[in-house]
Amino acid sequence: MKKVYYLSTCDTCKRIIKELGIGEEFDYQDIKTEKITSEQLEGMQNLAGSYEALFSRVARKYKELGLKEKQLTEDDYKNYILEEYTFLKRPVFLIDQEIFIGNSKKNVEALKNKLS
């Protein structure tokens, strides 16, 4: 299985997808128009090891809701991601039983290596 969770309005997501040259072999899910289900998130968590690894601290709502000052639990991370799509660190690529989370150079390089 090859799947990518992304935002079609995010320039960084679009740049990474273009840079990797991926196409129809991937199932694309725009998380703004097609919400992540609890089952999908649980599957990602099983591969990532935690919900925290999937959680974006750079989302605008992170500051707006004052989450920096709070001690968040795994359930909190899960619920925030399910409530608000911007809390998912993106893009998230699933390739077979591997997960690649976010847009860091290290992650994009690992993804390139996996695809080549």
PDB file of N, CA and C in Angstrom:
ATOM      1  N   MET A   1       0.836  -1.189   0.000  1.00  0.00           N
ATOM      2  CA  MET A   1       0.000   0.000   0.000  1.00  0.00           C
ATOM      3  C   MET A   1       0.873   1.241   0.000  1.00  0.00           C
ATOM      4  N   LYS A   2       0.501   2.194  -0.826  1.00  0.00           N
ATOM      5  CA  LYS A   2       1.196   3.479  -0.869  1.00  0.00           C
ATOM      6  C   LYS A   2       0.144   4.575  -0.733  1.00  0.00           C
ATOM      7  N   LYS A   3       0.293   5.372   0.314  1.00  0.00           N
ATOM      8  CA  LYS A   3      -0.691   6.419   0.580  1.00  0.00           C
ATOM      9  C   LYS A   3       0.018   7.657   1.096  1.00  0.00           C
ATOM     10  N   VAL A   4      -0.544   8.816   0.767  1.00  0.00           N
ATOM     11  CA  VAL A   4      -0.019  10.071   1.290  1.00  0.00           C
ATOM     12  C   VAL A   4      -1.170  10.897   1.847  1.00  0.00           C
ATOM     13  N   TYR A   5      -0.978  11.353   3.073  1.00  0.00           N
ATOM     14  CA  TYR A   5      -1.907  12.291   3.714  1.00  0.00           C
ATOM     15  C   TYR A   5      -1.257  13.665   3.588  1.00  0.00           C
ATOM     16  N   TYR A   6      -1.965  14.605   2.992  1.00  0.00           N
ATOM     17  CA  TYR A   6      -1.376  15.909   2.709  1.00  0.00           C
ATOM     18  C   TYR A   6      -2.464  16.977   2.678  1.00  0.00           C
ATOM     19  N   LEU A   7      -2.024  18.205   2.472  1.00  0.00           N
ATOM     20  CA  LEU A   7      -2.949  19.326   2.269  1.00  0.00           C
ATOM     21  C   LEU A   7      -2.720  19.858   0.865  1.00  0.00           C
ATOM     22  N   SER A   8      -3.762  19.896   0.065  1.00  0.00           N
ATOM     23  CA  SER A   8      -3.614  20.377  -1.314  1.00  0.00           C
ATOM     24  C   SER A   8      -3.293  21.872  -1.357  1.00  0.00           C
ATOM     25  N   THR A   9      -3.563  22.580  -0.276  1.00  0.00           N
ATOM     26  CA  THR A   9      -3.287  24.018  -0.218  1.00  0.00           C
ATOM     27  C   THR A   9      -1.912  24.323   0.371  1.00  0.00           C
ATOM     28  N   CYS A  10      -1.166  23.295   0.753  1.00  0.00           N
ATOM     29  CA  CYS A  10       0.130  23.489   1.392  1.00  0.00           C
ATOM     30  C   CYS A  10       1.245  23.428   0.349  1.00  0.00           C
ATOM     31  N   ASP A  11       1.961  24.536   0.190  1.00  0.00           N
ATOM     32  CA  ASP A  11       3.040  24.594  -0.793  1.00  0.00           C
ATOM     33  C   ASP A  11       4.151  23.592  -0.475  1.00  0.00           C
ATOM     34  N   THR A  12       4.430  23.393   0.800  1.00  0.00           N
ATOM     35  CA  THR A  12       5.479  22.449   1.185  1.00  0.00           C
ATOM     36  C   THR A  12       5.095  21.028   0.789  1.00  0.00           C
ATOM     37  N   CYS A  13       3.859  20.643   1.047  1.00  0.00           N
ATOM     38  CA  CYS A  13       3.387  19.314   0.643  1.00  0.00           C
ATOM     39  C   CYS A  13       3.492  19.145  -0.870  1.00  0.00           C
ATOM     40  N   LYS A  14       3.033  20.145  -1.615  1.00  0.00           N
ATOM     41  CA  LYS A  14       3.074  20.074  -3.076  1.00  0.00           C
ATOM     42  C   LYS A  14       4.510  19.979  -3.577  1.00  0.00           C
ATOM     43  N   ARG A  15       5.416  20.748  -2.960  1.00  0.00           N
ATOM     44  CA  ARG A  15       6.821  20.731  -3.375  1.00  0.00           C
ATOM     45  C   ARG A  15       7.438  19.356  -3.151  1.00  0.00           C
ATOM     46  N   ILE A  16       7.178  18.758  -1.995  1.00  0.00           N
ATOM     47  CA  ILE A  16       7.750  17.447  -1.678  1.00  0.00           C
ATOM     48  C   ILE A  16       7.210  16.384  -2.623  1.00  0.00           C
ATOM     49  N   ILE A  17       5.916  16.385  -2.885  1.00  0.00           N
ATOM     50  CA  ILE A  17       5.305  15.413  -3.797  1.00  0.00           C
ATOM     51  C   ILE A  17       5.911  15.554  -5.189  1.00  0.00           C
ATOM     52  N   LYS A  18       6.082  16.799  -5.640  1.00  0.00           N
ATOM     53  CA  LYS A  18       6.673  17.045  -6.960  1.00  0.00           C
ATOM     54  C   LYS A  18       8.139  16.616  -6.978  1.00  0.00           C
ATOM     55  N   GLU A  19       8.865  16.964  -5.934  1.00  0.00           N
ATOM     56  CA  GLU A  19      10.292  16.633  -5.828  1.00  0.00           C
ATOM     57  C   GLU A  19      10.513  15.114  -5.868  1.00  0.00           C
ATOM     58  N   LEU A  20       9.616  14.377  -5.246  1.00  0.00           N
ATOM     59  CA  LEU A  20       9.732  12.921  -5.218  1.00  0.00           C
ATOM     60  C   LEU A  20       9.263  12.274  -6.518  1.00  0.00           C
ATOM     61  N   GLY A  21       8.532  13.027  -7.311  1.00  0.00           N
ATOM     62  CA  GLY A  21       8.054  12.514  -8.594  1.00  0.00           C
ATOM     63  C   GLY A  21       7.053  11.382  -8.468  1.00  0.00           C
ATOM     64  N   ILE A  22       6.263  11.414  -7.397  1.00  0.00           N
ATOM     65  CA  ILE A  22       5.281  10.341  -7.225  1.00  0.00           C
ATOM     66  C   ILE A  22       4.017  10.668  -8.009  1.00  0.00           C
ATOM     67  N   GLY A  23       3.313   9.623  -8.379  1.00  0.00           N
ATOM     68  CA  GLY A  23       2.123   9.838  -9.193  1.00  0.00           C
ATOM     69  C   GLY A  23       0.964   8.973  -8.766  1.00  0.00           C
ATOM     70  N   GLU A  24       0.369   8.319  -9.743  1.00  0.00           N
ATOM     71  CA  GLU A  24      -0.853   7.550  -9.531  1.00  0.00           C
ATOM     72  C   GLU A  24      -0.664   6.287  -8.688  1.00  0.00           C
ATOM     73  N   GLU A  25       0.596   5.891  -8.466  1.00  0.00           N
ATOM     74  CA  GLU A  25       0.819   4.693  -7.643  1.00  0.00           C
ATOM     75  C   GLU A  25       0.468   4.938  -6.177  1.00  0.00           C
ATOM     76  N   PHE A  26       0.289   6.199  -5.810  1.00  0.00           N
ATOM     77  CA  PHE A  26      -0.090   6.556  -4.443  1.00  0.00           C
ATOM     78  C   PHE A  26      -1.575   6.895  -4.371  1.00  0.00           C
ATOM     79  N   ASP A  27      -2.166   6.543  -3.238  1.00  0.00           N
ATOM     80  CA  ASP A  27      -3.531   6.950  -2.915  1.00  0.00           C
ATOM     81  C   ASP A  27      -3.383   8.269  -2.152  1.00  0.00           C
ATOM     82  N   TYR A  28      -3.955   9.335  -2.673  1.00  0.00           N
ATOM     83  CA  TYR A  28      -3.833  10.660  -2.064  1.00  0.00           C
ATOM     84  C   TYR A  28      -5.060  10.961  -1.214  1.00  0.00           C
ATOM     85  N   GLN A  29      -4.816  11.495  -0.018  1.00  0.00           N
ATOM     86  CA  GLN A  29      -5.927  11.931   0.833  1.00  0.00           C
ATOM     87  C   GLN A  29      -5.649  13.346   1.311  1.00  0.00           C
ATOM     88  N   ASP A  30      -6.434  14.289   0.777  1.00  0.00           N
ATOM     89  CA  ASP A  30      -6.339  15.684   1.210  1.00  0.00           C
ATOM     90  C   ASP A  30      -7.079  15.771   2.540  1.00  0.00           C
ATOM     91  N   ILE A  31      -6.335  15.969   3.622  1.00  0.00           N
ATOM     92  CA  ILE A  31      -6.922  15.888   4.961  1.00  0.00           C
ATOM     93  C   ILE A  31      -7.875  17.038   5.284  1.00  0.00           C
ATOM     94  N   LYS A  32      -7.866  18.061   4.439  1.00  0.00           N
ATOM     95  CA  LYS A  32      -8.805  19.160   4.663  1.00  0.00           C
ATOM     96  C   LYS A  32     -10.194  18.799   4.128  1.00  0.00           C
ATOM     97  N   THR A  33     -10.237  18.123   3.000  1.00  0.00           N
ATOM     98  CA  THR A  33     -11.514  17.788   2.378  1.00  0.00           C
ATOM     99  C   THR A  33     -12.000  16.390   2.749  1.00  0.00           C
ATOM    100  N   GLU A  34     -11.078  15.500   3.126  1.00  0.00           N
ATOM    101  CA  GLU A  34     -11.437  14.139   3.529  1.00  0.00           C
ATOM    102  C   GLU A  34     -10.788  13.861   4.888  1.00  0.00           C
ATOM    103  N   LYS A  35     -11.567  14.069   5.939  1.00  0.00           N
ATOM    104  CA  LYS A  35     -11.031  13.957   7.303  1.00  0.00           C
ATOM    105  C   LYS A  35     -10.408  12.595   7.575  1.00  0.00           C
ATOM    106  N   ILE A  36      -9.402  12.617   8.433  1.00  0.00           N
ATOM    107  CA  ILE A  36      -8.758  11.388   8.878  1.00  0.00           C
ATOM    108  C   ILE A  36      -9.712  10.670   9.822  1.00  0.00           C
ATOM    109  N   THR A  37      -9.858   9.380   9.640  1.00  0.00           N
ATOM    110  CA  THR A  37     -10.699   8.608  10.534  1.00  0.00           C
ATOM    111  C   THR A  37      -9.877   8.138  11.729  1.00  0.00           C
ATOM    112  N   SER A  38     -10.568   7.759  12.756  1.00  0.00           N
ATOM    113  CA  SER A  38      -9.912   7.230  13.942  1.00  0.00           C
ATOM    114  C   SER A  38      -9.102   5.986  13.591  1.00  0.00           C
ATOM    115  N   GLU A  39      -9.643   5.142  12.727  1.00  0.00           N
ATOM    116  CA  GLU A  39      -8.955   3.917  12.316  1.00  0.00           C
ATOM    117  C   GLU A  39      -7.671   4.238  11.556  1.00  0.00           C
ATOM    118  N   GLN A  40      -7.734   5.231  10.656  1.00  0.00           N
ATOM    119  CA  GLN A  40      -6.536   5.627   9.903  1.00  0.00           C
ATOM    120  C   GLN A  40      -5.464   6.154  10.855  1.00  0.00           C
ATOM    121  N   LEU A  41      -5.884   6.989  11.797  1.00  0.00           N
ATOM    122  CA  LEU A  41      -4.935   7.564  12.744  1.00  0.00           C
ATOM    123  C   LEU A  41      -4.315   6.486  13.624  1.00  0.00           C
ATOM    124  N   GLU A  42      -5.126   5.517  14.046  1.00  0.00           N
ATOM    125  CA  GLU A  42      -4.601   4.413  14.857  1.00  0.00           C
ATOM    126  C   GLU A  42      -3.577   3.600  14.067  1.00  0.00           C
ATOM    127  N   GLY A  43      -3.843   3.400  12.772  1.00  0.00           N
ATOM    128  CA  GLY A  43      -2.883   2.698  11.912  1.00  0.00           C
ATOM    129  C   GLY A  43      -1.566   3.449  11.810  1.00  0.00           C
ATOM    130  N   MET A  44      -1.653   4.778  11.661  1.00  0.00           N
ATOM    131  CA  MET A  44      -0.441   5.594  11.607  1.00  0.00           C
ATOM    132  C   MET A  44       0.308   5.521  12.931  1.00  0.00           C
ATOM    133  N   GLN A  45      -0.435   5.572  14.040  1.00  0.00           N
ATOM    134  CA  GLN A  45       0.171   5.513  15.366  1.00  0.00           C
ATOM    135  C   GLN A  45       0.890   4.187  15.588  1.00  0.00           C
ATOM    136  N   ASN A  46       0.308   3.098  15.098  1.00  0.00           N
ATOM    137  CA  ASN A  46       0.955   1.790  15.241  1.00  0.00           C
ATOM    138  C   ASN A  46       2.315   1.771  14.553  1.00  0.00           C
ATOM    139  N   LEU A  47       2.425   2.435  13.399  1.00  0.00           N
ATOM    140  CA  LEU A  47       3.694   2.485  12.676  1.00  0.00           C
ATOM    141  C   LEU A  47       4.655   3.515  13.272  1.00  0.00           C
ATOM    142  N   ALA A  48       4.113   4.632  13.746  1.00  0.00           N
ATOM    143  CA  ALA A  48       4.954   5.719  14.271  1.00  0.00           C
ATOM    144  C   ALA A  48       5.400   5.473  15.707  1.00  0.00           C
ATOM    145  N   GLY A  49       4.620   4.705  16.456  1.00  0.00           N
ATOM    146  CA  GLY A  49       4.959   4.430  17.846  1.00  0.00           C
ATOM    147  C   GLY A  49       4.245   5.312  18.850  1.00  0.00           C
ATOM    148  N   SER A  50       3.730   6.460  18.394  1.00  0.00           N
ATOM    149  CA  SER A  50       2.995   7.346  19.298  1.00  0.00           C
ATOM    150  C   SER A  50       2.182   8.345  18.484  1.00  0.00           C
ATOM    151  N   TYR A  51       1.181   8.914  19.133  1.00  0.00           N
ATOM    152  CA  TYR A  51       0.418   9.996  18.504  1.00  0.00           C
ATOM    153  C   TYR A  51       1.236  11.280  18.526  1.00  0.00           C
ATOM    154  N   GLU A  52       2.069  11.415  19.527  1.00  0.00           N
ATOM    155  CA  GLU A  52       2.910  12.615  19.630  1.00  0.00           C
ATOM    156  C   GLU A  52       3.803  12.759  18.407  1.00  0.00           C
ATOM    157  N   ALA A  53       4.307  11.653  17.863  1.00  0.00           N
ATOM    158  CA  ALA A  53       5.164  11.698  16.674  1.00  0.00           C
ATOM    159  C   ALA A  53       4.416  12.241  15.456  1.00  0.00           C
ATOM    160  N   LEU A  54       3.104  12.136  15.467  1.00  0.00           N
ATOM    161  CA  LEU A  54       2.265  12.602  14.359  1.00  0.00           C
ATOM    162  C   LEU A  54       1.754  14.022  14.571  1.00  0.00           C
ATOM    163  N   PHE A  55       2.002  14.569  15.741  1.00  0.00           N
ATOM    164  CA  PHE A  55       1.411  15.846  16.150  1.00  0.00           C
ATOM    165  C   PHE A  55       2.322  17.015  15.766  1.00  0.00           C
ATOM    166  N   SER A  56       1.724  18.029  15.160  1.00  0.00           N
ATOM    167  CA  SER A  56       2.471  19.217  14.742  1.00  0.00           C
ATOM    168  C   SER A  56       2.363  20.323  15.786  1.00  0.00           C
ATOM    169  N   ARG A  57       3.505  20.718  16.291  1.00  0.00           N
ATOM    170  CA  ARG A  57       3.537  21.827  17.250  1.00  0.00           C
ATOM    171  C   ARG A  57       3.655  23.190  16.572  1.00  0.00           C
ATOM    172  N   VAL A  58       3.755  23.195  15.248  1.00  0.00           N
ATOM    173  CA  VAL A  58       3.832  24.467  14.536  1.00  0.00           C
ATOM    174  C   VAL A  58       2.468  24.913  14.003  1.00  0.00           C
ATOM    175  N   ALA A  59       1.447  24.123  14.256  1.00  0.00           N
ATOM    176  CA  ALA A  59       0.095  24.511  13.841  1.00  0.00           C
ATOM    177  C   ALA A  59      -0.305  25.789  14.581  1.00  0.00           C
ATOM    178  N   ARG A  60      -0.971  26.687  13.892  1.00  0.00           N
ATOM    179  CA  ARG A  60      -1.398  27.956  14.499  1.00  0.00           C
ATOM    180  C   ARG A  60      -2.236  27.738  15.756  1.00  0.00           C
ATOM    181  N   LYS A  61      -3.096  26.739  15.704  1.00  0.00           N
ATOM    182  CA  LYS A  61      -3.988  26.490  16.841  1.00  0.00           C
ATOM    183  C   LYS A  61      -3.232  26.023  18.082  1.00  0.00           C
ATOM    184  N   TYR A  62      -2.038  25.518  17.898  1.00  0.00           N
ATOM    185  CA  TYR A  62      -1.241  25.067  19.039  1.00  0.00           C
ATOM    186  C   TYR A  62      -1.008  26.240  19.996  1.00  0.00           C
ATOM    187  N   LYS A  63      -0.648  27.393  19.426  1.00  0.00           N
ATOM    188  CA  LYS A  63      -0.446  28.594  20.249  1.00  0.00           C
ATOM    189  C   LYS A  63      -1.789  29.184  20.680  1.00  0.00           C
ATOM    190  N   GLU A  64      -2.739  29.234  19.749  1.00  0.00           N
ATOM    191  CA  GLU A  64      -4.052  29.822  20.037  1.00  0.00           C
ATOM    192  C   GLU A  64      -4.731  29.151  21.226  1.00  0.00           C
ATOM    193  N   LEU A  65      -4.612  27.834  21.297  1.00  0.00           N
ATOM    194  CA  LEU A  65      -5.265  27.083  22.369  1.00  0.00           C
ATOM    195  C   LEU A  65      -4.404  26.967  23.630  1.00  0.00           C
ATOM    196  N   GLY A  66      -3.211  27.559  23.578  1.00  0.00           N
ATOM    197  CA  GLY A  66      -2.326  27.531  24.734  1.00  0.00           C
ATOM    198  C   GLY A  66      -1.825  26.134  25.085  1.00  0.00           C
ATOM    199  N   LEU A  67      -1.663  25.290  24.078  1.00  0.00           N
ATOM    200  CA  LEU A  67      -1.270  23.898  24.341  1.00  0.00           C
ATOM    201  C   LEU A  67       0.177  23.768  24.787  1.00  0.00           C
ATOM    202  N   LYS A  68       0.980  24.774  24.480  1.00  0.00           N
ATOM    203  CA  LYS A  68       2.392  24.740  24.882  1.00  0.00           C
ATOM    204  C   LYS A  68       2.529  24.668  26.404  1.00  0.00           C
ATOM    205  N   GLU A  69       1.595  25.289  27.095  1.00  0.00           N
ATOM    206  CA  GLU A  69       1.634  25.329  28.561  1.00  0.00           C
ATOM    207  C   GLU A  69       1.013  24.088  29.200  1.00  0.00           C
ATOM    208  N   LYS A  70       0.398  23.245  28.405  1.00  0.00           N
ATOM    209  CA  LYS A  70      -0.294  22.083  28.955  1.00  0.00           C
ATOM    210  C   LYS A  70       0.552  20.819  28.798  1.00  0.00           C
ATOM    211  N   GLN A  71       0.330  19.886  29.689  1.00  0.00           N
ATOM    212  CA  GLN A  71       0.964  18.570  29.624  1.00  0.00           C
ATOM    213  C   GLN A  71       0.005  17.648  28.870  1.00  0.00           C
ATOM    214  N   LEU A  72       0.302  17.378  27.600  1.00  0.00           N
ATOM    215  CA  LEU A  72      -0.610  16.599  26.779  1.00  0.00           C
ATOM    216  C   LEU A  72      -0.318  15.100  26.889  1.00  0.00           C
ATOM    217  N   THR A  73      -1.383  14.311  26.887  1.00  0.00           N
ATOM    218  CA  THR A  73      -1.263  12.853  26.928  1.00  0.00           C
ATOM    219  C   THR A  73      -1.414  12.314  25.500  1.00  0.00           C
ATOM    220  N   GLU A  74      -1.168  11.040  25.317  1.00  0.00           N
ATOM    221  CA  GLU A  74      -1.358  10.409  24.006  1.00  0.00           C
ATOM    222  C   GLU A  74      -2.808  10.571  23.540  1.00  0.00           C
ATOM    223  N   ASP A  75      -3.759  10.420  24.471  1.00  0.00           N
ATOM    224  CA  ASP A  75      -5.168  10.615  24.108  1.00  0.00           C
ATOM    225  C   ASP A  75      -5.430  12.046  23.661  1.00  0.00           C
ATOM    226  N   ASP A  76      -4.788  13.011  24.320  1.00  0.00           N
ATOM    227  CA  ASP A  76      -4.934  14.414  23.911  1.00  0.00           C
ATOM    228  C   ASP A  76      -4.434  14.612  22.482  1.00  0.00           C
ATOM    229  N   TYR A  77      -3.234  14.087  22.193  1.00  0.00           N
ATOM    230  CA  TYR A  77      -2.676  14.225  20.842  1.00  0.00           C
ATOM    231  C   TYR A  77      -3.634  13.628  19.812  1.00  0.00           C
ATOM    232  N   LYS A  78      -4.126  12.430  20.094  1.00  0.00           N
ATOM    233  CA  LYS A  78      -5.049  11.756  19.174  1.00  0.00           C
ATOM    234  C   LYS A  78      -6.297  12.606  18.950  1.00  0.00           C
ATOM    235  N   ASN A  79      -6.909  13.067  20.032  1.00  0.00           N
ATOM    236  CA  ASN A  79      -8.145  13.846  19.916  1.00  0.00           C
ATOM    237  C   ASN A  79      -7.943  15.158  19.180  1.00  0.00           C
ATOM    238  N   TYR A  80      -6.829  15.849  19.445  1.00  0.00           N
ATOM    239  CA  TYR A  80      -6.567  17.109  18.738  1.00  0.00           C
ATOM    240  C   TYR A  80      -6.379  16.875  17.246  1.00  0.00           C
ATOM    241  N   ILE A  81      -5.669  15.804  16.876  1.00  0.00           N
ATOM    242  CA  ILE A  81      -5.468  15.513  15.452  1.00  0.00           C
ATOM    243  C   ILE A  81      -6.804  15.187  14.784  1.00  0.00           C
ATOM    244  N   LEU A  82      -7.649  14.433  15.463  1.00  0.00           N
ATOM    245  CA  LEU A  82      -8.955  14.087  14.886  1.00  0.00           C
ATOM    246  C   LEU A  82      -9.877  15.300  14.789  1.00  0.00           C
ATOM    247  N   GLU A  83      -9.778  16.221  15.753  1.00  0.00           N
ATOM    248  CA  GLU A  83     -10.623  17.427  15.753  1.00  0.00           C
ATOM    249  C   GLU A  83     -10.186  18.437  14.710  1.00  0.00           C
ATOM    250  N   GLU A  84      -8.887  18.604  14.552  1.00  0.00           N
ATOM    251  CA  GLU A  84      -8.354  19.685  13.728  1.00  0.00           C
ATOM    252  C   GLU A  84      -7.236  19.139  12.833  1.00  0.00           C
ATOM    253  N   TYR A  85      -7.500  19.102  11.527  1.00  0.00           N
ATOM    254  CA  TYR A  85      -6.551  18.500  10.581  1.00  0.00           C
ATOM    255  C   TYR A  85      -5.164  19.154  10.608  1.00  0.00           C
ATOM    256  N   THR A  86      -5.086  20.427  10.992  1.00  0.00           N
ATOM    257  CA  THR A  86      -3.785  21.107  10.978  1.00  0.00           C
ATOM    258  C   THR A  86      -2.832  20.567  12.047  1.00  0.00           C
ATOM    259  N   PHE A  87      -3.343  19.783  12.991  1.00  0.00           N
ATOM    260  CA  PHE A  87      -2.469  19.206  14.016  1.00  0.00           C
ATOM    261  C   PHE A  87      -1.703  17.974  13.517  1.00  0.00           C
ATOM    262  N   LEU A  88      -2.028  17.471  12.329  1.00  0.00           N
ATOM    263  CA  LEU A  88      -1.267  16.354  11.781  1.00  0.00           C
ATOM    264  C   LEU A  88      -0.005  16.895  11.127  1.00  0.00           C
ATOM    265  N   LYS A  89       1.133  16.386  11.568  1.00  0.00           N
ATOM    266  CA  LYS A  89       2.404  16.751  10.948  1.00  0.00           C
ATOM    267  C   LYS A  89       2.367  16.183   9.540  1.00  0.00           C
ATOM    268  N   ARG A  90       2.632  17.004   8.542  1.00  0.00           N
ATOM    269  CA  ARG A  90       2.444  16.554   7.173  1.00  0.00           C
ATOM    270  C   ARG A  90       3.598  16.966   6.266  1.00  0.00           C
ATOM    271  N   PRO A  91       3.692  16.273   5.139  1.00  0.00           N
ATOM    272  CA  PRO A  91       2.867  15.161   4.695  1.00  0.00           C
ATOM    273  C   PRO A  91       3.232  13.868   5.430  1.00  0.00           C
ATOM    274  N   VAL A  92       2.307  12.921   5.417  1.00  0.00           N
ATOM    275  CA  VAL A  92       2.556  11.589   5.971  1.00  0.00           C
ATOM    276  C   VAL A  92       2.466  10.602   4.823  1.00  0.00           C
ATOM    277  N   PHE A  93       3.558   9.873   4.601  1.00  0.00           N
ATOM    278  CA  PHE A  93       3.604   8.852   3.564  1.00  0.00           C
ATOM    279  C   PHE A  93       3.586   7.481   4.212  1.00  0.00           C
ATOM    280  N   LEU A  94       2.731   6.607   3.719  1.00  0.00           N
ATOM    281  CA  LEU A  94       2.707   5.208   4.135  1.00  0.00           C
ATOM    282  C   LEU A  94       3.129   4.382   2.923  1.00  0.00           C
ATOM    283  N   ILE A  95       4.189   3.622   3.106  1.00  0.00           N
ATOM    284  CA  ILE A  95       4.669   2.744   2.039  1.00  0.00           C
ATOM    285  C   ILE A  95       4.841   1.368   2.650  1.00  0.00           C
ATOM    286  N   ASP A  96       4.001   0.441   2.201  1.00  0.00           N
ATOM    287  CA  ASP A  96       3.955  -0.903   2.772  1.00  0.00           C
ATOM    288  C   ASP A  96       3.750  -0.773   4.284  1.00  0.00           C
ATOM    289  N   GLN A  97       4.704  -1.193   5.091  1.00  0.00           N
ATOM    290  CA  GLN A  97       4.549  -1.081   6.548  1.00  0.00           C
ATOM    291  C   GLN A  97       5.500  -0.055   7.146  1.00  0.00           C
ATOM    292  N   GLU A  98       5.877   0.961   6.348  1.00  0.00           N
ATOM    293  CA  GLU A  98       6.739   2.034   6.838  1.00  0.00           C
ATOM    294  C   GLU A  98       5.990   3.358   6.773  1.00  0.00           C
ATOM    295  N   ILE A  99       6.356   4.252   7.713  1.00  0.00           N
ATOM    296  CA  ILE A  99       5.721   5.568   7.757  1.00  0.00           C
ATOM    297  C   ILE A  99       6.799   6.639   7.720  1.00  0.00           C
ATOM    298  N   PHE A 100       6.516   7.704   6.982  1.00  0.00           N
ATOM    299  CA  PHE A 100       7.410   8.848   6.878  1.00  0.00           C
ATOM    300  C   PHE A 100       6.578  10.079   7.219  1.00  0.00           C
ATOM    301  N   ILE A 101       6.970  10.771   8.292  1.00  0.00           N
ATOM    302  CA  ILE A 101       6.148  11.846   8.842  1.00  0.00           C
ATOM    303  C   ILE A 101       6.860  13.191   8.733  1.00  0.00           C
ATOM    304  N   GLY A 102       6.194  14.148   8.123  1.00  0.00           N
ATOM    305  CA  GLY A 102       6.682  15.514   8.134  1.00  0.00           C
ATOM    306  C   GLY A 102       7.561  15.875   6.958  1.00  0.00           C
ATOM    307  N   ASN A 103       8.091  17.101   7.030  1.00  0.00           N
ATOM    308  CA  ASN A 103       8.807  17.656   5.892  1.00  0.00           C
ATOM    309  C   ASN A 103      10.277  17.949   6.173  1.00  0.00           C
ATOM    310  N   SER A 104      10.829  17.346   7.214  1.00  0.00           N
ATOM    311  CA  SER A 104      12.247  17.580   7.512  1.00  0.00           C
ATOM    312  C   SER A 104      13.110  17.013   6.388  1.00  0.00           C
ATOM    313  N   LYS A 105      14.285  17.600   6.192  1.00  0.00           N
ATOM    314  CA  LYS A 105      15.195  17.128   5.152  1.00  0.00           C
ATOM    315  C   LYS A 105      15.534  15.660   5.343  1.00  0.00           C
ATOM    316  N   LYS A 106      15.771  15.274   6.596  1.00  0.00           N
ATOM    317  CA  LYS A 106      16.118  13.886   6.914  1.00  0.00           C
ATOM    318  C   LYS A 106      14.997  12.938   6.490  1.00  0.00           C
ATOM    319  N   ASN A 107      13.761  13.319   6.774  1.00  0.00           N
ATOM    320  CA  ASN A 107      12.608  12.497   6.417  1.00  0.00           C
ATOM    321  C   ASN A 107      12.442  12.401   4.905  1.00  0.00           C
ATOM    322  N   VAL A 108      12.582  13.509   4.208  1.00  0.00           N
ATOM    323  CA  VAL A 108      12.420  13.515   2.750  1.00  0.00           C
ATOM    324  C   VAL A 108      13.524  12.673   2.103  1.00  0.00           C
ATOM    325  N   GLU A 109      14.742  12.747   2.631  1.00  0.00           N
ATOM    326  CA  GLU A 109      15.838  11.919   2.111  1.00  0.00           C
ATOM    327  C   GLU A 109      15.560  10.442   2.323  1.00  0.00           C
ATOM    328  N   ALA A 110      15.076  10.082   3.505  1.00  0.00           N
ATOM    329  CA  ALA A 110      14.744   8.682   3.792  1.00  0.00           C
ATOM    330  C   ALA A 110      13.658   8.194   2.842  1.00  0.00           C
ATOM    331  N   LEU A 111      12.709   9.057   2.553  1.00  0.00           N
ATOM    332  CA  LEU A 111      11.624   8.720   1.634  1.00  0.00           C
ATOM    333  C   LEU A 111      12.165   8.537   0.215  1.00  0.00           C
ATOM    334  N   LYS A 112      13.049   9.426  -0.209  1.00  0.00           N
ATOM    335  CA  LYS A 112      13.679   9.292  -1.530  1.00  0.00           C
ATOM    336  C   LYS A 112      14.402   7.955  -1.644  1.00  0.00           C
ATOM    337  N   ASN A 113      15.155   7.598  -0.614  1.00  0.00           N
ATOM    338  CA  ASN A 113      15.883   6.337  -0.607  1.00  0.00           C
ATOM    339  C   ASN A 113      14.927   5.148  -0.703  1.00  0.00           C
ATOM    340  N   LYS A 114      13.817   5.228  -0.007  1.00  0.00           N
ATOM    341  CA  LYS A 114      12.829   4.150  -0.021  1.00  0.00           C
ATOM    342  C   LYS A 114      12.228   3.991  -1.414  1.00  0.00           C
ATOM    343  N   LEU A 115      11.983   5.107  -2.084  1.00  0.00           N
ATOM    344  CA  LEU A 115      11.341   5.082  -3.402  1.00  0.00           C
ATOM    345  C   LEU A 115      12.293   4.694  -4.530  1.00  0.00           C
ATOM    346  N   SER A 116      13.595   4.829  -4.301  1.00  0.00           N
ATOM    347  CA  SER A 116      14.547   4.533  -5.403  1.00  0.00           C
ATOM    348  C   SER A 116      14.966   3.089  -5.437  1.00  0.00           C
TER     349      SER A 116
END
